[in-house]
Amino acid sequence: MVTEEEVMSALSKVMDPELGISLVDLGLIYGVEITETKVGVKMTFTTPACPMVHFLVSSVEDAVKKVEGVSEVEVQLVWDPPWTPDKMSDAGKEKLGLK
């Protein structure tokens, strides 16, 4: 059975290409839902106009598909609640000099 921990570990390897910080540490992953071999990922961006949306969604799909036991990945973009720097991990804040 696929676990949330395995999925989050895979997602922590997906880096924002401009900042060099994982999407997890940036607080862009809002949730993971696992149903047998299907994984749903709720994520957001710092702005709806982010030019990297398609690239990062594809990167998330590719990373999760590499988790053993995953047969399907569905990424849902959400804008509510809006992203704020408060959603970042302590490690992410530290890397950006916010802590």
N, C-alpha and C. Protein backbone atom coordinates (compact mmCIF):
# COMPACT_ATOMS: atom_id res chain seq x y z
N MET A 1 0.84 -1.19 0.00
CA MET A 1 0.00 0.00 0.00
C MET A 1 0.88 1.25 0.00
N VAL A 2 0.54 2.19 -0.84
CA VAL A 2 1.26 3.46 -0.93
C VAL A 2 0.94 4.29 0.31
N THR A 3 1.98 4.92 0.88
CA THR A 3 1.76 5.73 2.08
C THR A 3 1.95 7.22 1.76
N GLU A 4 1.35 8.04 2.59
CA GLU A 4 1.51 9.49 2.44
C GLU A 4 2.98 9.88 2.62
N GLU A 5 3.65 9.20 3.52
CA GLU A 5 5.06 9.49 3.77
C GLU A 5 5.90 9.26 2.51
N GLU A 6 5.62 8.16 1.80
CA GLU A 6 6.35 7.88 0.55
C GLU A 6 6.09 8.95 -0.50
N VAL A 7 4.84 9.36 -0.60
CA VAL A 7 4.47 10.38 -1.60
C VAL A 7 5.11 11.72 -1.24
N MET A 8 5.04 12.11 0.02
CA MET A 8 5.64 13.38 0.43
C MET A 8 7.15 13.36 0.25
N SER A 9 7.77 12.22 0.48
CA SER A 9 9.21 12.09 0.26
C SER A 9 9.54 12.32 -1.21
N ALA A 10 8.74 11.73 -2.10
CA ALA A 10 8.94 11.93 -3.53
C ALA A 10 8.73 13.40 -3.90
N LEU A 11 7.70 14.00 -3.34
CA LEU A 11 7.41 15.40 -3.65
C LEU A 11 8.49 16.34 -3.12
N SER A 12 9.15 15.95 -2.06
CA SER A 12 10.20 16.81 -1.49
C SER A 12 11.41 16.90 -2.42
N LYS A 13 11.45 16.06 -3.44
CA LYS A 13 12.54 16.11 -4.42
C LYS A 13 12.22 17.00 -5.62
N VAL A 14 10.98 17.49 -5.69
CA VAL A 14 10.59 18.39 -6.78
C VAL A 14 10.95 19.81 -6.38
N MET A 15 11.88 20.40 -7.12
CA MET A 15 12.41 21.71 -6.76
C MET A 15 11.81 22.83 -7.61
N ASP A 16 11.61 23.95 -6.98
CA ASP A 16 11.27 25.16 -7.71
C ASP A 16 12.52 25.55 -8.49
N PRO A 17 12.44 25.65 -9.80
CA PRO A 17 13.65 25.90 -10.59
C PRO A 17 14.29 27.26 -10.36
N GLU A 18 13.53 28.22 -9.92
CA GLU A 18 14.09 29.56 -9.68
C GLU A 18 14.72 29.67 -8.30
N LEU A 19 14.10 29.03 -7.31
CA LEU A 19 14.56 29.19 -5.93
C LEU A 19 15.43 28.04 -5.43
N GLY A 20 15.35 26.89 -6.09
CA GLY A 20 16.13 25.75 -5.65
C GLY A 20 15.65 25.18 -4.33
N ILE A 21 14.38 25.35 -4.04
CA ILE A 21 13.77 24.86 -2.80
C ILE A 21 12.62 23.94 -3.20
N SER A 22 12.42 22.86 -2.44
CA SER A 22 11.37 21.92 -2.81
C SER A 22 9.99 22.55 -2.67
N LEU A 23 9.06 22.02 -3.46
CA LEU A 23 7.67 22.49 -3.39
C LEU A 23 7.09 22.23 -2.01
N VAL A 24 7.54 21.15 -1.37
CA VAL A 24 7.07 20.85 -0.01
C VAL A 24 7.54 21.93 0.95
N ASP A 25 8.84 22.27 0.91
CA ASP A 25 9.35 23.31 1.81
C ASP A 25 8.77 24.68 1.52
N LEU A 26 8.38 24.91 0.27
CA LEU A 26 7.75 26.19 -0.07
C LEU A 26 6.29 26.23 0.41
N GLY A 27 5.75 25.10 0.82
CA GLY A 27 4.37 25.07 1.30
C GLY A 27 3.35 25.05 0.17
N LEU A 28 3.76 24.59 -0.99
CA LEU A 28 2.87 24.59 -2.15
C LEU A 28 2.03 23.32 -2.24
N ILE A 29 2.39 22.29 -1.47
CA ILE A 29 1.62 21.05 -1.46
C ILE A 29 0.61 21.16 -0.32
N TYR A 30 -0.67 21.18 -0.68
CA TYR A 30 -1.72 21.36 0.32
C TYR A 30 -2.28 20.05 0.85
N GLY A 31 -2.09 18.97 0.12
CA GLY A 31 -2.59 17.70 0.61
C GLY A 31 -2.38 16.57 -0.37
N VAL A 32 -2.42 15.35 0.19
CA VAL A 32 -2.26 14.14 -0.60
C VAL A 32 -3.39 13.20 -0.20
N GLU A 33 -4.04 12.61 -1.20
CA GLU A 33 -5.09 11.64 -0.94
C GLU A 33 -4.76 10.37 -1.72
N ILE A 34 -4.77 9.26 -1.01
CA ILE A 34 -4.39 7.99 -1.62
C ILE A 34 -5.58 7.04 -1.59
N THR A 35 -5.93 6.50 -2.75
CA THR A 35 -6.97 5.50 -2.87
C THR A 35 -6.38 4.32 -3.62
N GLU A 36 -6.03 3.29 -2.88
CA GLU A 36 -5.36 2.11 -3.43
C GLU A 36 -4.10 2.51 -4.18
N THR A 37 -4.13 2.51 -5.52
CA THR A 37 -2.93 2.85 -6.28
C THR A 37 -3.01 4.22 -6.95
N LYS A 38 -4.08 4.96 -6.66
CA LYS A 38 -4.25 6.29 -7.23
C LYS A 38 -3.90 7.34 -6.17
N VAL A 39 -3.14 8.36 -6.59
CA VAL A 39 -2.75 9.42 -5.68
C VAL A 39 -3.25 10.75 -6.22
N GLY A 40 -3.94 11.49 -5.36
CA GLY A 40 -4.35 12.84 -5.68
C GLY A 40 -3.48 13.82 -4.91
N VAL A 41 -3.01 14.85 -5.57
CA VAL A 41 -2.18 15.87 -4.93
C VAL A 41 -2.87 17.21 -5.11
N LYS A 42 -3.13 17.88 -4.00
CA LYS A 42 -3.64 19.26 -4.06
C LYS A 42 -2.44 20.18 -3.87
N MET A 43 -2.30 21.09 -4.81
CA MET A 43 -1.18 22.03 -4.72
C MET A 43 -1.59 23.40 -5.21
N THR A 44 -0.77 24.36 -4.88
CA THR A 44 -1.01 25.73 -5.29
C THR A 44 0.30 26.32 -5.79
N PHE A 45 0.25 27.58 -6.13
CA PHE A 45 1.44 28.33 -6.54
C PHE A 45 1.41 29.66 -5.82
N THR A 46 2.53 30.32 -5.83
CA THR A 46 2.59 31.62 -5.16
C THR A 46 1.72 32.65 -5.86
N THR A 47 1.47 32.43 -7.16
CA THR A 47 0.61 33.30 -7.94
C THR A 47 -0.03 32.50 -9.07
N PRO A 48 -1.29 32.77 -9.40
CA PRO A 48 -1.91 32.06 -10.53
C PRO A 48 -1.21 32.31 -11.86
N ALA A 49 -0.43 33.38 -11.95
CA ALA A 49 0.26 33.72 -13.19
C ALA A 49 1.65 33.10 -13.29
N CYS A 50 1.96 32.16 -12.41
CA CYS A 50 3.28 31.53 -12.42
C CYS A 50 3.56 30.91 -13.79
N PRO A 51 4.67 31.28 -14.42
CA PRO A 51 4.96 30.74 -15.75
C PRO A 51 5.41 29.27 -15.73
N MET A 52 5.65 28.73 -14.55
CA MET A 52 6.15 27.36 -14.42
C MET A 52 5.06 26.36 -14.07
N VAL A 53 3.80 26.77 -14.13
CA VAL A 53 2.70 25.89 -13.71
C VAL A 53 2.76 24.53 -14.40
N HIS A 54 2.79 24.51 -15.71
CA HIS A 54 2.75 23.24 -16.44
C HIS A 54 3.98 22.38 -16.16
N PHE A 55 5.14 23.00 -16.12
CA PHE A 55 6.37 22.27 -15.83
C PHE A 55 6.32 21.64 -14.44
N LEU A 56 5.89 22.41 -13.44
CA LEU A 56 5.89 21.90 -12.08
C LEU A 56 4.80 20.84 -11.86
N VAL A 57 3.65 21.01 -12.48
CA VAL A 57 2.61 19.98 -12.38
C VAL A 57 3.11 18.68 -12.99
N SER A 58 3.76 18.76 -14.13
CA SER A 58 4.34 17.56 -14.76
C SER A 58 5.41 16.94 -13.87
N SER A 59 6.21 17.78 -13.24
CA SER A 59 7.26 17.28 -12.34
C SER A 59 6.67 16.57 -11.14
N VAL A 60 5.58 17.11 -10.61
CA VAL A 60 4.89 16.47 -9.48
C VAL A 60 4.34 15.12 -9.92
N GLU A 61 3.68 15.08 -11.06
CA GLU A 61 3.13 13.82 -11.57
C GLU A 61 4.23 12.78 -11.76
N ASP A 62 5.33 13.18 -12.38
CA ASP A 62 6.44 12.26 -12.63
C ASP A 62 7.04 11.73 -11.33
N ALA A 63 7.22 12.61 -10.35
CA ALA A 63 7.82 12.19 -9.07
C ALA A 63 6.93 11.19 -8.35
N VAL A 64 5.62 11.44 -8.33
CA VAL A 64 4.71 10.55 -7.61
C VAL A 64 4.56 9.22 -8.35
N LYS A 65 4.59 9.25 -9.66
CA LYS A 65 4.50 8.00 -10.43
C LYS A 65 5.67 7.06 -10.15
N LYS A 66 6.78 7.60 -9.69
CA LYS A 66 7.96 6.77 -9.39
C LYS A 66 7.82 6.03 -8.06
N VAL A 67 6.83 6.40 -7.25
CA VAL A 67 6.62 5.71 -5.98
C VAL A 67 6.06 4.32 -6.27
N GLU A 68 6.68 3.33 -5.70
CA GLU A 68 6.24 1.95 -5.93
C GLU A 68 4.79 1.76 -5.53
N GLY A 69 4.00 1.20 -6.45
CA GLY A 69 2.60 0.94 -6.18
C GLY A 69 1.64 1.98 -6.73
N VAL A 70 2.17 3.12 -7.20
CA VAL A 70 1.32 4.17 -7.75
C VAL A 70 1.07 3.89 -9.23
N SER A 71 -0.21 3.86 -9.61
CA SER A 71 -0.55 3.63 -11.01
C SER A 71 -1.12 4.87 -11.68
N GLU A 72 -1.62 5.80 -10.87
CA GLU A 72 -2.26 7.00 -11.44
C GLU A 72 -2.05 8.17 -10.49
N VAL A 73 -1.82 9.35 -11.08
CA VAL A 73 -1.64 10.57 -10.30
C VAL A 73 -2.55 11.64 -10.86
N GLU A 74 -3.25 12.32 -9.98
CA GLU A 74 -4.09 13.44 -10.39
C GLU A 74 -3.70 14.65 -9.55
N VAL A 75 -3.29 15.71 -10.23
CA VAL A 75 -2.90 16.95 -9.56
C VAL A 75 -4.06 17.94 -9.68
N GLN A 76 -4.47 18.46 -8.55
CA GLN A 76 -5.53 19.46 -8.52
C GLN A 76 -4.93 20.78 -8.04
N LEU A 77 -5.04 21.81 -8.87
CA LEU A 77 -4.58 23.14 -8.46
C LEU A 77 -5.67 23.82 -7.66
N VAL A 78 -5.30 24.35 -6.52
CA VAL A 78 -6.25 25.05 -5.65
C VAL A 78 -5.70 26.44 -5.34
N TRP A 79 -6.58 27.36 -5.17
CA TRP A 79 -6.18 28.74 -4.88
C TRP A 79 -6.74 29.23 -3.56
N ASP A 80 -7.46 28.36 -2.88
CA ASP A 80 -8.05 28.71 -1.59
C ASP A 80 -7.73 27.60 -0.60
N PRO A 81 -7.02 27.89 0.43
CA PRO A 81 -6.57 29.22 0.85
C PRO A 81 -5.39 29.70 0.00
N PRO A 82 -5.28 30.99 -0.17
CA PRO A 82 -4.16 31.53 -0.94
C PRO A 82 -2.83 31.22 -0.25
N TRP A 83 -1.80 31.02 -1.05
CA TRP A 83 -0.48 30.78 -0.49
C TRP A 83 0.06 32.04 0.16
N THR A 84 0.73 31.87 1.28
CA THR A 84 1.46 32.94 1.94
C THR A 84 2.79 32.35 2.43
N PRO A 85 3.78 33.17 2.71
CA PRO A 85 5.05 32.65 3.23
C PRO A 85 4.90 31.86 4.53
N ASP A 86 3.82 32.08 5.25
CA ASP A 86 3.58 31.33 6.50
C ASP A 86 3.44 29.83 6.25
N LYS A 87 3.10 29.45 5.03
CA LYS A 87 2.92 28.03 4.70
C LYS A 87 4.25 27.30 4.49
N MET A 88 5.34 28.05 4.40
CA MET A 88 6.66 27.46 4.17
C MET A 88 7.13 26.73 5.42
N SER A 89 7.95 25.70 5.20
CA SER A 89 8.58 25.00 6.33
C SER A 89 9.67 25.90 6.90
N ASP A 90 10.12 25.55 8.09
CA ASP A 90 11.22 26.31 8.68
C ASP A 90 12.47 26.23 7.79
N ALA A 91 12.70 25.04 7.21
CA ALA A 91 13.86 24.88 6.33
C ALA A 91 13.75 25.78 5.10
N GLY A 92 12.55 25.87 4.53
CA GLY A 92 12.34 26.73 3.38
C GLY A 92 12.55 28.19 3.71
N LYS A 93 12.03 28.61 4.86
CA LYS A 93 12.21 30.00 5.29
C LYS A 93 13.69 30.31 5.50
N GLU A 94 14.37 29.34 6.09
CA GLU A 94 15.80 29.55 6.35
C GLU A 94 16.59 29.70 5.06
N LYS A 95 16.27 28.87 4.06
CA LYS A 95 16.96 28.92 2.78
C LYS A 95 16.74 30.26 2.07
N LEU A 96 15.59 30.89 2.32
CA LEU A 96 15.30 32.18 1.71
C LEU A 96 15.69 33.35 2.61
N GLY A 97 16.26 33.05 3.77
CA GLY A 97 16.67 34.09 4.69
C GLY A 97 15.53 34.76 5.41
N LEU A 98 14.43 34.05 5.55
CA LEU A 98 13.25 34.60 6.22
C LEU A 98 13.19 34.20 7.70
N LYS A 99 14.18 33.45 8.13
CA LYS A 99 14.17 32.98 9.51
C LYS A 99 15.52 33.15 10.13
